């Protein structure tokens, strides 16, 4: 597999999407929700996309739209126009929803649980199984896991002011993760009390 997972900062990214169908709309929503500027070419634009700031453009403007875009998404049933847009995109970032291997960017199935975003990519072999795997993962991640992430972040920031050595900070984070009292508080969703325990543990290092 010659694809490598990576996250792209999309705030203020210019995204041109060829198509306005189901897949194109999904892509547009994803990018709009993450702060991108989105313009689409197609037959019509759903009100939900317009409300988020998306713009519907003419197919006559594709050359200018490609030049404007930082990322080009091809999600159209018009094969001739799709190939043309892909060709003039040159070395730009391009996502081919129709033929992924013809592009250089994949937009995987993804979902959020709290501050955690999880992406699933089957190398194009089975979008159906990507959705099934999503359901399985969602079923095993608990509220406690999300709280632990929040508290680990809290502890990391505190430790940066206390311990200079990264290995020492990591060791302390493991101790916090395994602390019985803190885990009981997490189980009871007593987050503020757990933070007090973390403060006390870190204070003992000073």
N, C-alpha and C. Protein backbone atom coordinates (compact mmCIF):
# COMPACT_ATOMS: atom_id res chain seq x y z
N UNK A 1 0.85 -1.20 0.00
CA UNK A 1 0.00 0.00 0.00
C UNK A 1 0.88 1.24 0.00
N UNK A 2 0.69 2.14 -0.96
CA UNK A 2 1.57 3.30 -1.09
C UNK A 2 0.93 4.57 -0.55
N UNK A 3 -0.08 4.44 0.32
CA UNK A 3 -0.71 5.60 0.95
C UNK A 3 -0.24 5.71 2.39
N UNK A 4 -0.03 6.94 2.86
CA UNK A 4 0.38 7.19 4.23
C UNK A 4 -0.62 8.13 4.89
N UNK A 5 -1.12 7.74 6.07
CA UNK A 5 -2.10 8.60 6.75
C UNK A 5 -1.43 9.87 7.25
N UNK A 6 -2.13 10.99 7.08
CA UNK A 6 -1.59 12.29 7.50
C UNK A 6 -2.78 13.25 7.63
N UNK A 7 -2.68 14.19 8.57
CA UNK A 7 -3.75 15.17 8.74
C UNK A 7 -3.33 16.50 8.12
N UNK A 8 -4.27 17.12 7.42
CA UNK A 8 -4.03 18.38 6.72
C UNK A 8 -4.83 19.49 7.39
N UNK A 9 -4.15 20.57 7.75
CA UNK A 9 -4.86 21.70 8.32
C UNK A 9 -5.68 22.38 7.23
N UNK A 10 -6.99 22.46 7.44
CA UNK A 10 -7.87 22.94 6.37
C UNK A 10 -8.49 24.31 6.63
N UNK A 11 -8.18 24.94 7.75
CA UNK A 11 -8.74 26.28 7.98
C UNK A 11 -8.21 27.23 6.91
N UNK A 12 -9.14 27.91 6.23
CA UNK A 12 -8.83 28.85 5.14
C UNK A 12 -8.24 28.18 3.90
N UNK A 13 -8.30 26.86 3.83
CA UNK A 13 -7.86 26.16 2.62
C UNK A 13 -8.91 26.37 1.52
N UNK A 14 -8.45 26.62 0.30
CA UNK A 14 -9.37 26.78 -0.83
C UNK A 14 -9.62 25.42 -1.47
N UNK A 15 -10.87 24.98 -1.44
CA UNK A 15 -11.22 23.65 -1.95
C UNK A 15 -12.24 23.79 -3.08
N UNK A 16 -11.87 23.27 -4.25
CA UNK A 16 -12.78 23.22 -5.39
C UNK A 16 -13.28 21.79 -5.54
N UNK A 17 -14.60 21.63 -5.54
CA UNK A 17 -15.20 20.30 -5.67
C UNK A 17 -15.99 20.23 -6.97
N UNK A 18 -15.59 19.31 -7.84
CA UNK A 18 -16.34 19.08 -9.07
C UNK A 18 -17.43 18.06 -8.76
N UNK A 19 -18.68 18.53 -8.77
CA UNK A 19 -19.80 17.66 -8.45
C UNK A 19 -20.62 18.24 -7.31
N UNK A 20 -21.90 17.90 -7.28
CA UNK A 20 -22.78 18.35 -6.20
C UNK A 20 -23.68 17.22 -5.71
N UNK A 21 -23.30 15.99 -6.04
CA UNK A 21 -24.09 14.83 -5.62
C UNK A 21 -23.81 14.44 -4.18
N UNK A 22 -24.17 13.22 -3.83
CA UNK A 22 -24.06 12.75 -2.44
C UNK A 22 -22.62 12.77 -1.94
N UNK A 23 -21.70 12.22 -2.73
CA UNK A 23 -20.30 12.18 -2.30
C UNK A 23 -19.71 13.58 -2.22
N UNK A 24 -19.98 14.38 -3.24
CA UNK A 24 -19.48 15.76 -3.25
C UNK A 24 -20.01 16.55 -2.07
N UNK A 25 -21.28 16.35 -1.74
CA UNK A 25 -21.88 17.05 -0.60
C UNK A 25 -21.23 16.63 0.71
N UNK A 26 -20.95 15.32 0.84
CA UNK A 26 -20.26 14.84 2.04
C UNK A 26 -18.89 15.47 2.18
N UNK A 27 -18.16 15.51 1.06
CA UNK A 27 -16.83 16.12 1.08
C UNK A 27 -16.93 17.61 1.45
N UNK A 28 -17.89 18.29 0.84
CA UNK A 28 -18.05 19.72 1.09
C UNK A 28 -18.36 19.98 2.56
N UNK A 29 -19.27 19.22 3.12
CA UNK A 29 -19.61 19.39 4.54
C UNK A 29 -18.39 19.20 5.43
N UNK A 30 -17.59 18.19 5.12
CA UNK A 30 -16.40 17.91 5.92
C UNK A 30 -15.44 19.09 5.91
N UNK A 31 -15.17 19.62 4.72
CA UNK A 31 -14.22 20.73 4.62
C UNK A 31 -14.78 22.03 5.19
N UNK A 32 -16.06 22.28 4.96
CA UNK A 32 -16.68 23.48 5.51
C UNK A 32 -16.67 23.45 7.04
N UNK A 33 -16.95 22.28 7.60
CA UNK A 33 -16.96 22.14 9.06
C UNK A 33 -15.59 22.35 9.68
N UNK A 34 -14.55 22.23 8.85
CA UNK A 34 -13.19 22.42 9.35
C UNK A 34 -12.56 23.70 8.82
N UNK A 35 -13.41 24.67 8.43
CA UNK A 35 -12.93 26.02 8.16
C UNK A 35 -12.43 26.31 6.76
N UNK A 36 -12.66 25.41 5.81
CA UNK A 36 -12.18 25.64 4.44
C UNK A 36 -13.13 26.54 3.66
N UNK A 37 -12.59 27.15 2.59
CA UNK A 37 -13.40 27.90 1.63
C UNK A 37 -13.74 26.93 0.50
N UNK A 38 -15.02 26.73 0.23
CA UNK A 38 -15.43 25.68 -0.71
C UNK A 38 -16.27 26.25 -1.86
N UNK A 39 -15.86 25.89 -3.07
CA UNK A 39 -16.63 26.22 -4.27
C UNK A 39 -16.90 24.92 -5.03
N UNK A 40 -18.12 24.78 -5.53
CA UNK A 40 -18.52 23.57 -6.22
C UNK A 40 -19.05 23.87 -7.62
N UNK A 41 -18.90 22.89 -8.50
CA UNK A 41 -19.50 22.96 -9.84
C UNK A 41 -20.42 21.75 -9.98
N UNK A 42 -21.68 22.02 -10.34
CA UNK A 42 -22.65 20.95 -10.50
C UNK A 42 -24.01 21.51 -10.83
N UNK A 43 -25.02 20.65 -10.70
CA UNK A 43 -26.36 21.06 -11.11
C UNK A 43 -27.06 21.94 -10.08
N UNK A 44 -26.86 21.64 -8.80
CA UNK A 44 -27.51 22.44 -7.76
C UNK A 44 -26.75 22.27 -6.45
N UNK A 45 -27.04 23.18 -5.53
CA UNK A 45 -26.35 23.20 -4.24
C UNK A 45 -27.38 23.13 -3.12
N UNK A 46 -27.19 22.20 -2.20
CA UNK A 46 -28.11 22.07 -1.08
C UNK A 46 -28.06 23.32 -0.19
N UNK A 47 -29.19 23.74 0.34
CA UNK A 47 -29.24 24.92 1.21
C UNK A 47 -28.27 24.82 2.39
N UNK A 48 -28.07 23.60 2.94
CA UNK A 48 -27.18 23.44 4.08
C UNK A 48 -25.75 23.85 3.75
N UNK A 49 -25.34 23.61 2.50
CA UNK A 49 -23.99 24.01 2.08
C UNK A 49 -23.92 25.52 1.87
N UNK A 50 -24.96 26.08 1.30
CA UNK A 50 -24.99 27.53 1.09
C UNK A 50 -24.96 28.26 2.43
N UNK A 51 -25.68 27.71 3.41
CA UNK A 51 -25.71 28.32 4.74
C UNK A 51 -24.33 28.32 5.39
N UNK A 52 -23.51 27.35 5.01
CA UNK A 52 -22.16 27.27 5.58
C UNK A 52 -21.14 28.09 4.79
N UNK A 53 -21.60 28.69 3.68
CA UNK A 53 -20.71 29.56 2.92
C UNK A 53 -20.19 29.00 1.62
N UNK A 54 -20.67 27.81 1.23
CA UNK A 54 -20.23 27.23 -0.04
C UNK A 54 -20.81 28.03 -1.21
N UNK A 55 -20.10 27.97 -2.33
CA UNK A 55 -20.50 28.75 -3.51
C UNK A 55 -20.65 27.82 -4.71
N UNK A 56 -21.76 27.95 -5.44
CA UNK A 56 -21.99 27.18 -6.65
C UNK A 56 -21.49 27.97 -7.86
N UNK A 57 -20.63 27.33 -8.65
CA UNK A 57 -20.03 28.01 -9.80
C UNK A 57 -20.38 27.28 -11.10
N UNK A 58 -20.08 27.93 -12.20
CA UNK A 58 -20.37 27.37 -13.52
C UNK A 58 -19.25 26.44 -13.97
N UNK A 59 -19.63 25.43 -14.76
CA UNK A 59 -18.63 24.52 -15.32
C UNK A 59 -17.69 25.26 -16.27
N UNK A 60 -18.10 26.42 -16.75
CA UNK A 60 -17.24 27.22 -17.62
C UNK A 60 -16.07 27.83 -16.87
N UNK A 61 -16.15 27.79 -15.54
CA UNK A 61 -15.13 28.43 -14.72
C UNK A 61 -14.10 27.46 -14.14
N UNK A 62 -14.11 26.20 -14.61
CA UNK A 62 -13.26 25.19 -13.95
C UNK A 62 -11.76 25.54 -14.00
N UNK A 63 -11.31 26.16 -15.09
CA UNK A 63 -9.88 26.51 -15.17
C UNK A 63 -9.50 27.48 -14.05
N UNK A 64 -10.30 28.51 -13.88
CA UNK A 64 -10.03 29.48 -12.84
C UNK A 64 -10.18 28.89 -11.45
N UNK A 65 -11.14 27.98 -11.29
CA UNK A 65 -11.36 27.35 -9.99
C UNK A 65 -10.19 26.45 -9.60
N UNK A 66 -9.66 25.74 -10.57
CA UNK A 66 -8.49 24.89 -10.30
C UNK A 66 -7.30 25.76 -9.90
N UNK A 67 -7.12 26.87 -10.61
CA UNK A 67 -6.02 27.79 -10.28
C UNK A 67 -6.21 28.36 -8.87
N UNK A 68 -7.45 28.66 -8.48
CA UNK A 68 -7.76 29.22 -7.16
C UNK A 68 -7.55 28.21 -6.03
N UNK A 69 -7.78 26.95 -6.34
CA UNK A 69 -7.83 25.92 -5.30
C UNK A 69 -6.47 25.48 -4.79
N UNK A 70 -6.43 25.16 -3.50
CA UNK A 70 -5.29 24.47 -2.91
C UNK A 70 -5.50 22.96 -3.01
N UNK A 71 -6.76 22.56 -3.00
CA UNK A 71 -7.14 21.14 -3.08
C UNK A 71 -8.30 21.01 -4.05
N UNK A 72 -8.19 20.07 -4.95
CA UNK A 72 -9.25 19.79 -5.94
C UNK A 72 -9.87 18.43 -5.62
N UNK A 73 -11.18 18.40 -5.55
CA UNK A 73 -11.91 17.15 -5.31
C UNK A 73 -12.76 16.85 -6.53
N UNK A 74 -12.56 15.68 -7.12
CA UNK A 74 -13.34 15.26 -8.28
C UNK A 74 -14.36 14.23 -7.82
N UNK A 75 -15.63 14.62 -7.85
CA UNK A 75 -16.71 13.73 -7.41
C UNK A 75 -17.91 13.92 -8.31
N UNK A 76 -17.67 13.74 -9.60
CA UNK A 76 -18.70 13.99 -10.61
C UNK A 76 -18.88 12.76 -11.49
N UNK A 77 -20.09 12.61 -12.02
CA UNK A 77 -20.36 11.52 -12.94
C UNK A 77 -19.97 11.85 -14.37
N UNK A 78 -19.57 13.09 -14.60
CA UNK A 78 -19.15 13.53 -15.94
C UNK A 78 -17.68 13.13 -16.12
N UNK A 79 -17.45 11.99 -16.75
CA UNK A 79 -16.09 11.45 -16.85
C UNK A 79 -15.17 12.35 -17.67
N UNK A 80 -15.69 12.92 -18.74
CA UNK A 80 -14.85 13.77 -19.59
C UNK A 80 -14.39 15.01 -18.83
N UNK A 81 -15.32 15.66 -18.12
CA UNK A 81 -14.96 16.85 -17.34
C UNK A 81 -14.06 16.47 -16.17
N UNK A 82 -14.31 15.32 -15.59
CA UNK A 82 -13.48 14.86 -14.47
C UNK A 82 -12.04 14.67 -14.90
N UNK A 83 -11.85 14.05 -16.06
CA UNK A 83 -10.50 13.82 -16.56
C UNK A 83 -9.82 15.14 -16.91
N UNK A 84 -10.61 16.09 -17.45
CA UNK A 84 -10.04 17.39 -17.80
C UNK A 84 -9.58 18.13 -16.55
N UNK A 85 -10.43 18.17 -15.54
CA UNK A 85 -10.08 18.87 -14.30
C UNK A 85 -8.87 18.20 -13.64
N UNK A 86 -8.84 16.89 -13.66
CA UNK A 86 -7.71 16.17 -13.08
C UNK A 86 -6.41 16.50 -13.82
N UNK A 87 -6.50 16.58 -15.14
CA UNK A 87 -5.32 16.87 -15.96
C UNK A 87 -4.77 18.26 -15.70
N UNK A 88 -5.66 19.27 -15.63
CA UNK A 88 -5.17 20.64 -15.46
C UNK A 88 -4.78 20.95 -14.01
N UNK A 89 -5.11 20.02 -13.11
CA UNK A 89 -4.72 20.23 -11.71
C UNK A 89 -3.22 20.05 -11.49
N UNK A 90 -2.56 19.38 -12.43
CA UNK A 90 -1.10 19.25 -12.36
C UNK A 90 -0.63 18.63 -11.06
N UNK A 91 0.25 19.36 -10.34
CA UNK A 91 0.83 18.86 -9.10
C UNK A 91 0.04 19.28 -7.86
N UNK A 92 -1.14 19.85 -8.05
CA UNK A 92 -1.95 20.25 -6.90
C UNK A 92 -2.41 19.03 -6.11
N UNK A 93 -2.85 19.27 -4.87
CA UNK A 93 -3.49 18.21 -4.11
C UNK A 93 -4.81 17.89 -4.79
N UNK A 94 -5.04 16.60 -5.08
CA UNK A 94 -6.27 16.23 -5.76
C UNK A 94 -6.83 14.93 -5.18
N UNK A 95 -8.10 14.95 -4.88
CA UNK A 95 -8.82 13.79 -4.39
C UNK A 95 -9.77 13.32 -5.47
N UNK A 96 -9.56 12.11 -5.98
CA UNK A 96 -10.46 11.53 -6.97
C UNK A 96 -11.41 10.57 -6.27
N UNK A 97 -12.64 11.00 -6.06
CA UNK A 97 -13.62 10.14 -5.42
C UNK A 97 -13.99 8.98 -6.34
N UNK A 98 -13.87 9.21 -7.65
CA UNK A 98 -14.24 8.18 -8.62
C UNK A 98 -13.13 7.14 -8.80
N UNK A 99 -11.89 7.61 -8.95
CA UNK A 99 -10.74 6.72 -9.11
C UNK A 99 -9.63 7.18 -8.16
N UNK A 100 -9.66 6.74 -6.90
CA UNK A 100 -8.72 7.24 -5.89
C UNK A 100 -7.26 7.18 -6.31
N UNK A 101 -6.87 6.13 -7.02
CA UNK A 101 -5.46 5.97 -7.39
C UNK A 101 -4.99 7.02 -8.39
N UNK A 102 -5.92 7.73 -9.02
CA UNK A 102 -5.54 8.79 -9.95
C UNK A 102 -5.27 10.10 -9.23
N UNK A 103 -5.57 10.16 -7.95
CA UNK A 103 -5.30 11.35 -7.16
C UNK A 103 -4.12 11.13 -6.23
N UNK A 104 -3.86 12.13 -5.37
CA UNK A 104 -2.76 11.99 -4.41
C UNK A 104 -3.23 12.27 -2.98
N UNK A 105 -4.55 12.45 -2.81
CA UNK A 105 -5.13 12.67 -1.48
C UNK A 105 -6.35 11.77 -1.32
N UNK A 106 -6.44 11.09 -0.17
CA UNK A 106 -7.61 10.29 0.16
C UNK A 106 -8.39 11.00 1.25
N UNK A 107 -9.71 11.03 1.14
CA UNK A 107 -10.56 11.55 2.21
C UNK A 107 -11.26 10.34 2.83
N UNK A 108 -10.73 9.82 3.93
CA UNK A 108 -11.25 8.57 4.48
C UNK A 108 -12.55 8.76 5.25
N UNK A 109 -13.21 7.64 5.53
CA UNK A 109 -14.33 7.67 6.46
C UNK A 109 -13.80 8.07 7.82
N UNK A 110 -14.42 9.05 8.46
CA UNK A 110 -13.94 9.50 9.76
C UNK A 110 -15.12 9.88 10.64
N UNK A 111 -14.88 9.86 11.94
CA UNK A 111 -15.91 10.24 12.90
C UNK A 111 -15.25 10.72 14.17
N UNK A 112 -16.01 11.47 14.96
CA UNK A 112 -15.50 12.04 16.20
C UNK A 112 -16.22 11.47 17.40
N UNK A 113 -15.44 11.22 18.44
CA UNK A 113 -15.98 10.89 19.75
C UNK A 113 -15.28 11.85 20.71
N UNK A 114 -16.00 12.86 21.16
CA UNK A 114 -15.36 13.91 21.95
C UNK A 114 -14.31 14.61 21.09
N UNK A 115 -13.11 14.77 21.64
CA UNK A 115 -12.02 15.42 20.90
C UNK A 115 -11.21 14.43 20.06
N UNK A 116 -11.65 13.19 20.03
CA UNK A 116 -10.92 12.16 19.28
C UNK A 116 -11.53 12.00 17.89
N UNK A 117 -10.70 12.11 16.86
CA UNK A 117 -11.16 11.84 15.51
C UNK A 117 -10.49 10.56 15.02
N UNK A 118 -11.29 9.66 14.50
CA UNK A 118 -10.80 8.37 14.03
C UNK A 118 -11.11 8.23 12.54
N UNK A 119 -10.10 7.88 11.76
CA UNK A 119 -10.27 7.70 10.32
C UNK A 119 -10.02 6.24 9.96
N UNK A 120 -10.78 5.76 8.98
CA UNK A 120 -10.64 4.37 8.53
C UNK A 120 -10.47 4.36 7.02
N UNK A 121 -9.44 3.66 6.56
CA UNK A 121 -9.15 3.59 5.14
C UNK A 121 -8.86 2.13 4.78
N UNK A 122 -9.63 1.57 3.87
CA UNK A 122 -9.45 0.18 3.47
C UNK A 122 -8.68 0.06 2.15
N UNK A 123 -7.96 1.12 1.79
CA UNK A 123 -7.22 1.14 0.52
C UNK A 123 -8.18 1.00 -0.67
N UNK A 124 -9.40 1.50 -0.48
CA UNK A 124 -10.37 1.48 -1.56
C UNK A 124 -11.02 0.13 -1.80
N UNK A 125 -10.71 -0.86 -0.94
CA UNK A 125 -11.21 -2.21 -1.18
C UNK A 125 -12.65 -2.41 -0.74
N UNK A 126 -13.08 -1.70 0.33
CA UNK A 126 -14.43 -1.93 0.81
C UNK A 126 -14.96 -0.77 1.64
N UNK A 127 -15.61 0.21 1.02
CA UNK A 127 -16.26 1.29 1.78
C UNK A 127 -17.29 0.74 2.76
N UNK A 128 -17.94 -0.37 2.38
CA UNK A 128 -18.94 -0.98 3.27
C UNK A 128 -18.29 -1.44 4.57
N UNK A 129 -17.13 -2.10 4.47
CA UNK A 129 -16.45 -2.58 5.68
C UNK A 129 -15.90 -1.42 6.49
N UNK A 130 -15.55 -0.33 5.83
CA UNK A 130 -15.10 0.86 6.57
C UNK A 130 -16.21 1.33 7.50
N UNK A 131 -17.45 1.30 7.00
CA UNK A 131 -18.59 1.71 7.83
C UNK A 131 -18.84 0.71 8.95
N UNK A 132 -18.67 -0.58 8.66
CA UNK A 132 -18.87 -1.61 9.70
C UNK A 132 -17.80 -1.50 10.79
N UNK A 133 -16.56 -1.25 10.38
CA UNK A 133 -15.48 -1.08 11.35
C UNK A 133 -15.72 0.15 12.21
N UNK A 134 -16.26 1.17 11.59
CA UNK A 134 -16.59 2.39 12.34
C UNK A 134 -17.55 2.07 13.48
N UNK A 135 -18.59 1.29 13.18
CA UNK A 135 -19.57 0.92 14.22
C UNK A 135 -18.91 0.14 15.35
N UNK A 136 -18.00 -0.77 15.00
CA UNK A 136 -17.31 -1.56 16.03
C UNK A 136 -16.45 -0.68 16.93
N UNK A 137 -15.72 0.23 16.32
CA UNK A 137 -14.84 1.11 17.10
C UNK A 137 -15.67 2.01 18.01
N UNK A 138 -16.75 2.55 17.47
CA UNK A 138 -17.61 3.42 18.28
C UNK A 138 -18.18 2.68 19.49
N UNK A 139 -18.40 1.38 19.34
CA UNK A 139 -19.02 0.61 20.43
C UNK A 139 -18.06 0.31 21.57
N UNK A 140 -16.74 0.39 21.32
CA UNK A 140 -15.80 0.01 22.38
C UNK A 140 -15.12 1.21 23.05
N UNK A 141 -15.24 2.40 22.48
CA UNK A 141 -14.65 3.59 23.10
C UNK A 141 -15.66 4.15 24.10
N UNK A 142 -15.24 4.29 25.34
CA UNK A 142 -16.15 4.70 26.42
C UNK A 142 -15.96 6.16 26.81
N UNK A 143 -16.90 6.65 27.63
CA UNK A 143 -16.77 8.00 28.17
C UNK A 143 -15.50 8.11 29.02
N UNK A 144 -15.15 7.02 29.70
CA UNK A 144 -13.95 7.03 30.53
C UNK A 144 -12.69 7.26 29.68
N UNK A 145 -12.67 6.67 28.49
CA UNK A 145 -11.52 6.87 27.60
C UNK A 145 -11.38 8.34 27.23
N UNK A 146 -12.49 8.99 26.94
CA UNK A 146 -12.47 10.40 26.55
C UNK A 146 -12.03 11.27 27.72
N UNK A 147 -12.51 10.95 28.92
CA UNK A 147 -12.12 11.70 30.12
C UNK A 147 -10.62 11.54 30.37
N UNK A 148 -10.10 10.33 30.17
CA UNK A 148 -8.67 10.09 30.36
C UNK A 148 -7.83 10.93 29.40
N UNK A 149 -8.30 11.08 28.19
CA UNK A 149 -7.58 11.92 27.23
C UNK A 149 -7.54 13.36 27.72
N UNK A 150 -8.68 13.86 28.19
CA UNK A 150 -8.75 15.22 28.71
C UNK A 150 -7.79 15.41 29.89
N UNK A 151 -7.76 14.43 30.79
CA UNK A 151 -6.92 14.54 31.98
C UNK A 151 -5.43 14.37 31.65
N UNK A 152 -5.14 13.53 30.67
CA UNK A 152 -3.74 13.39 30.26
C UNK A 152 -3.23 14.70 29.65
N UNK A 153 -4.08 15.36 28.89
CA UNK A 153 -3.71 16.65 28.32
C UNK A 153 -3.50 17.67 29.45
N UNK A 154 -4.38 17.66 30.41
CA UNK A 154 -4.25 18.56 31.58
C UNK A 154 -2.93 18.30 32.29
N UNK A 155 -2.61 17.01 32.50
CA UNK A 155 -1.38 16.65 33.21
C UNK A 155 -0.14 17.03 32.39
N UNK A 156 -0.18 16.81 31.09
CA UNK A 156 0.96 17.13 30.23
C UNK A 156 1.33 18.61 30.33
N UNK A 157 0.31 19.46 30.26
CA UNK A 157 0.56 20.90 30.33
C UNK A 157 1.14 21.29 31.68
N UNK A 158 0.65 20.67 32.76
CA UNK A 158 1.18 20.94 34.10
C UNK A 158 2.63 20.48 34.22
N UNK A 159 2.90 19.31 33.69
CA UNK A 159 4.24 18.73 33.83
C UNK A 159 5.30 19.51 33.06
N UNK A 160 4.90 20.17 31.98
CA UNK A 160 5.87 20.95 31.20
C UNK A 160 6.45 22.09 32.02
N UNK A 161 5.70 22.54 33.03
CA UNK A 161 6.20 23.60 33.91
C UNK A 161 6.97 23.04 35.10
N UNK A 162 6.99 21.71 35.24
CA UNK A 162 7.60 21.09 36.42
C UNK A 162 8.83 20.26 36.08
N UNK A 163 8.73 19.47 34.99
CA UNK A 163 9.83 18.57 34.61
C UNK A 163 10.35 18.94 33.23
N UNK A 164 11.65 19.16 33.13
CA UNK A 164 12.24 19.51 31.84
C UNK A 164 12.46 18.28 30.96
N UNK A 165 12.76 17.16 31.59
CA UNK A 165 13.10 15.95 30.83
C UNK A 165 11.83 15.25 30.32
N UNK A 166 11.81 15.00 29.01
CA UNK A 166 10.61 14.42 28.40
C UNK A 166 10.36 13.00 28.92
N UNK A 167 11.42 12.25 29.16
CA UNK A 167 11.26 10.88 29.65
C UNK A 167 10.66 10.88 31.05
N UNK A 168 11.07 11.85 31.87
CA UNK A 168 10.51 11.96 33.22
C UNK A 168 9.02 12.32 33.15
N UNK A 169 8.68 13.18 32.21
CA UNK A 169 7.27 13.55 32.06
C UNK A 169 6.45 12.35 31.61
N UNK A 170 6.99 11.57 30.69
CA UNK A 170 6.27 10.39 30.21
C UNK A 170 6.06 9.38 31.33
N UNK A 171 7.10 9.18 32.16
CA UNK A 171 6.99 8.25 33.28
C UNK A 171 5.88 8.69 34.24
N UNK A 172 5.83 9.99 34.51
CA UNK A 172 4.80 10.53 35.40
C UNK A 172 3.42 10.36 34.80
N UNK A 173 3.28 10.54 33.52
CA UNK A 173 1.99 10.38 32.86
C UNK A 173 1.49 8.95 32.98
N UNK A 174 2.41 7.98 32.88
CA UNK A 174 2.03 6.58 33.07
C UNK A 174 1.56 6.34 34.50
N UNK A 175 2.23 6.95 35.46
CA UNK A 175 1.84 6.80 36.87
C UNK A 175 0.45 7.37 37.10
N UNK A 176 0.17 8.52 36.47
CA UNK A 176 -1.15 9.13 36.59
C UNK A 176 -2.21 8.24 35.94
N UNK A 177 -1.87 7.68 34.79
CA UNK A 177 -2.79 6.82 34.05
C UNK A 177 -3.16 5.59 34.87
N UNK A 178 -2.21 5.08 35.66
CA UNK A 178 -2.42 3.85 36.42
C UNK A 178 -2.85 4.09 37.87
N UNK A 179 -2.91 5.35 38.28
CA UNK A 179 -3.24 5.65 39.67
C UNK A 179 -4.67 5.19 40.00
N UNK A 180 -4.78 4.40 41.07
CA UNK A 180 -6.07 3.80 41.42
C UNK A 180 -7.11 4.85 41.81
N UNK A 181 -6.70 5.83 42.62
CA UNK A 181 -7.65 6.84 43.08
C UNK A 181 -8.16 7.67 41.90
N UNK A 182 -7.27 8.05 41.02
CA UNK A 182 -7.66 8.84 39.86
C UNK A 182 -8.61 8.05 38.97
N UNK A 183 -8.35 6.77 38.81
CA UNK A 183 -9.21 5.94 37.96
C UNK A 183 -10.61 5.76 38.55
N UNK A 184 -10.69 5.70 39.88
CA UNK A 184 -12.00 5.63 40.52
C UNK A 184 -12.78 6.93 40.27
N UNK A 185 -12.09 8.06 40.39
CA UNK A 185 -12.73 9.35 40.14
C UNK A 185 -13.18 9.47 38.68
N UNK A 186 -12.36 8.96 37.77
CA UNK A 186 -12.73 8.97 36.35
C UNK A 186 -13.97 8.12 36.12
N UNK A 187 -14.01 6.95 36.75
CA UNK A 187 -15.16 6.06 36.60
C UNK A 187 -16.44 6.74 37.09
N UNK A 188 -16.31 7.55 38.14
CA UNK A 188 -17.46 8.27 38.69
C UNK A 188 -17.68 9.61 38.01
N UNK A 189 -16.84 9.90 36.98
CA UNK A 189 -16.92 11.14 36.21
C UNK A 189 -16.73 12.39 37.09
N UNK A 190 -15.88 12.25 38.10
CA UNK A 190 -15.56 13.37 38.98
C UNK A 190 -14.26 14.01 38.47
N UNK A 191 -14.40 14.77 37.42
CA UNK A 191 -13.23 15.29 36.70
C UNK A 191 -12.46 16.31 37.52
N UNK A 192 -13.16 17.24 38.16
CA UNK A 192 -12.48 18.26 38.95
C UNK A 192 -11.69 17.63 40.10
N UNK A 193 -12.27 16.62 40.73
CA UNK A 193 -11.58 15.93 41.82
C UNK A 193 -10.35 15.19 41.31
N UNK A 194 -10.47 14.62 40.10
CA UNK A 194 -9.33 13.92 39.50
C UNK A 194 -8.19 14.91 39.20
N UNK A 195 -8.55 16.11 38.78
CA UNK A 195 -7.54 17.13 38.51
C UNK A 195 -6.80 17.53 39.80
N UNK A 196 -7.53 17.57 40.91
CA UNK A 196 -6.90 17.88 42.19
C UNK A 196 -5.87 16.81 42.54
N UNK A 197 -6.23 15.54 42.33
CA UNK A 197 -5.30 14.43 42.58
C UNK A 197 -4.06 14.55 41.70
N UNK A 198 -4.28 14.91 40.44
CA UNK A 198 -3.15 15.08 39.52
C UNK A 198 -2.25 16.21 40.00
N UNK A 199 -2.86 17.31 40.42
CA UNK A 199 -2.08 18.44 40.96
C UNK A 199 -1.24 18.01 42.14
N UNK A 200 -1.82 17.21 43.02
CA UNK A 200 -1.10 16.75 44.20
C UNK A 200 0.07 15.84 43.84
N UNK A 201 -0.15 14.96 42.86
CA UNK A 201 0.92 14.07 42.41
C UNK A 201 2.07 14.88 41.80
N UNK A 202 1.73 15.86 41.01
CA UNK A 202 2.75 16.67 40.35
C UNK A 202 3.47 17.55 41.39
N UNK A 203 2.71 18.05 42.33
CA UNK A 203 3.29 18.87 43.38
C UNK A 203 4.35 18.08 44.17
N UNK A 204 4.12 16.79 44.29
CA UNK A 204 5.08 15.95 45.01
C UNK A 204 6.40 15.78 44.29
N UNK A 205 6.42 16.15 43.00
CA UNK A 205 7.64 16.05 42.22
C UNK A 205 8.54 17.28 42.40
N UNK A 206 7.96 18.35 42.90
CA UNK A 206 8.70 19.62 42.97
C UNK A 206 9.71 19.61 44.11
